[in-house]
Protein backbone atom coordinates (compact mmCIF):
# COMPACT_ATOMS: atom_id res chain seq x y z
CA MET A 1 -85.19 167.68 44.40
CA ALA A 2 -83.50 171.53 44.31
CA VAL A 3 -87.43 172.88 43.10
CA LEU A 4 -89.45 170.46 44.97
CA THR A 5 -87.44 171.77 48.43
CA GLN A 6 -87.81 175.55 47.78
CA GLU A 7 -91.87 174.48 46.64
CA LEU A 8 -91.62 172.66 50.35
CA LEU A 9 -90.31 175.86 52.20
CA LEU A 10 -92.98 177.96 50.33
CA HIS A 11 -95.27 175.81 51.60
CA ALA A 12 -94.38 176.00 54.70
CA LYS A 13 -94.43 179.38 55.13
CA ARG A 14 -97.65 179.98 53.57
CA CYS A 15 -98.89 177.68 56.10
CA MET A 16 -97.55 179.85 58.83
CA ARG A 17 -98.86 183.36 57.23
CA HIS A 18 -102.16 183.48 59.20
CA GLU A 19 -102.94 182.75 62.33
CA ASP A 20 -105.42 179.95 61.69
CA VAL A 21 -105.25 175.85 62.12
CA SER A 22 -102.45 175.34 59.24
CA LYS A 23 -100.09 177.55 61.26
CA LYS A 24 -100.82 175.83 64.22
CA ILE A 25 -100.46 171.97 62.64
CA MET A 26 -97.28 172.80 61.37
CA LEU A 27 -96.13 174.78 65.10
CA ALA A 28 -97.14 171.26 66.34
CA GLY A 29 -95.38 169.20 64.05
CA LEU A 30 -92.66 171.20 64.23
CA ASN A 31 -93.05 171.03 68.20
CA ARG A 32 -93.10 167.03 67.83
CA THR A 33 -89.62 167.18 65.68
CA LEU A 34 -87.58 169.19 67.24
CA ASP A 35 -88.81 167.37 70.21
CA GLU A 36 -88.40 163.88 68.47
CA TRP A 37 -84.92 164.53 67.56
CA LEU A 38 -83.58 166.49 70.29
CA CYS A 39 -83.20 169.88 68.80
CA TYR A 40 -83.78 172.97 69.40
CA SER A 41 -83.65 175.03 66.16
CA PHE A 42 -84.01 174.44 62.25
CA VAL A 43 -80.08 174.16 62.20
CA GLU A 44 -79.36 171.86 64.78
CA LEU A 45 -82.18 169.88 63.11
CA ILE A 46 -80.45 170.56 59.43
CA GLU A 47 -77.21 169.50 61.03
CA GLU A 48 -78.59 166.34 62.32
CA MET A 49 -80.19 164.93 59.92
CA GLU A 50 -76.80 165.73 58.24
CA LEU A 51 -75.67 162.03 59.99
CA TRP A 52 -78.65 160.36 59.25
CA LYS A 53 -79.82 157.89 56.32
CA TRP A 54 -82.55 159.39 53.79
CA ASP A 55 -84.99 156.56 55.24
CA ASP A 56 -84.81 157.51 58.68
CA ALA A 57 -86.55 160.96 58.17
CA THR A 58 -89.57 159.85 57.33
CA GLY A 59 -92.21 160.17 59.69
CA ASP A 60 -93.05 163.86 59.41
CA PHE A 61 -92.70 166.70 56.93
CA TRP A 62 -90.02 168.43 58.97
CA SER A 63 -87.63 165.72 58.86
CA ARG A 64 -88.10 164.74 55.39
CA LEU A 65 -87.54 168.71 54.61
CA MET A 66 -84.22 168.95 56.57
CA MET A 67 -83.44 165.97 55.51
CA MET A 68 -83.39 167.50 51.76
CA ILE A 69 -81.56 170.77 52.96
CA ALA A 70 -78.84 168.88 54.39
CA PHE A 71 -78.98 165.70 51.76
CA ILE A 72 -78.64 168.54 48.26
CA THR A 73 -76.52 171.39 50.42
CA ILE A 74 -78.47 174.31 49.17
CA LYS A 75 -77.88 175.88 52.20
CA SER A 76 -76.26 178.83 50.38
CA SER A 77 -78.87 179.67 48.07
CA LEU A 78 -81.69 179.69 50.23
CA VAL A 79 -80.15 181.06 53.25
CA PRO A 80 -82.00 183.97 53.20
CA LEU A 81 -85.40 182.16 52.84
CA ILE A 82 -84.40 179.58 55.39
CA GLU A 83 -83.06 182.00 58.08
CA GLY A 84 -86.53 183.57 57.57
CA LEU A 85 -87.89 180.90 58.51
CA CYS A 86 -86.81 180.05 60.90
CA ALA A 87 -86.36 182.97 62.71
CA GLN A 88 -90.45 183.39 62.54
CA ILE A 89 -91.58 180.08 64.19
CA GLN A 90 -88.73 180.48 66.33
CA GLU A 91 -90.52 183.60 68.03
CA LEU A 92 -93.47 181.92 67.69
CA ARG A 93 -92.20 178.57 69.65
CA PHE A 94 -91.10 181.62 72.22
CA GLU A 95 -94.57 182.68 72.09
CA ILE A 96 -96.30 179.88 72.30
CA LEU A 97 -94.12 178.20 74.69
CA GLY A 98 -93.90 181.55 77.48
CA GLY A 99 -90.23 181.51 77.06
CA LEU A 100 -89.50 177.95 78.84
CA ARG A 101 -86.90 177.16 76.08
């Protein structure tokens, strides 16, 4: 499970690397997921996923990814990767939303 989680994180990072359609799709999915779970950051989403059952997070890529991170508690080994990805995505969300959140 840890390997799958790490690969999904790397996939997300690769999709976010370039200004193209895949990045827009990933950001749109992230925005929908954060809105759906009423969260404003990855940390909040991971904490939210700790409260739910595995089957409750089947809606999309981001919900499942955060559920996997919460489920296998690999936060300590992947903290640098998660923090880097979180910072990058939060910065992009801020740019896209114009600082509304």
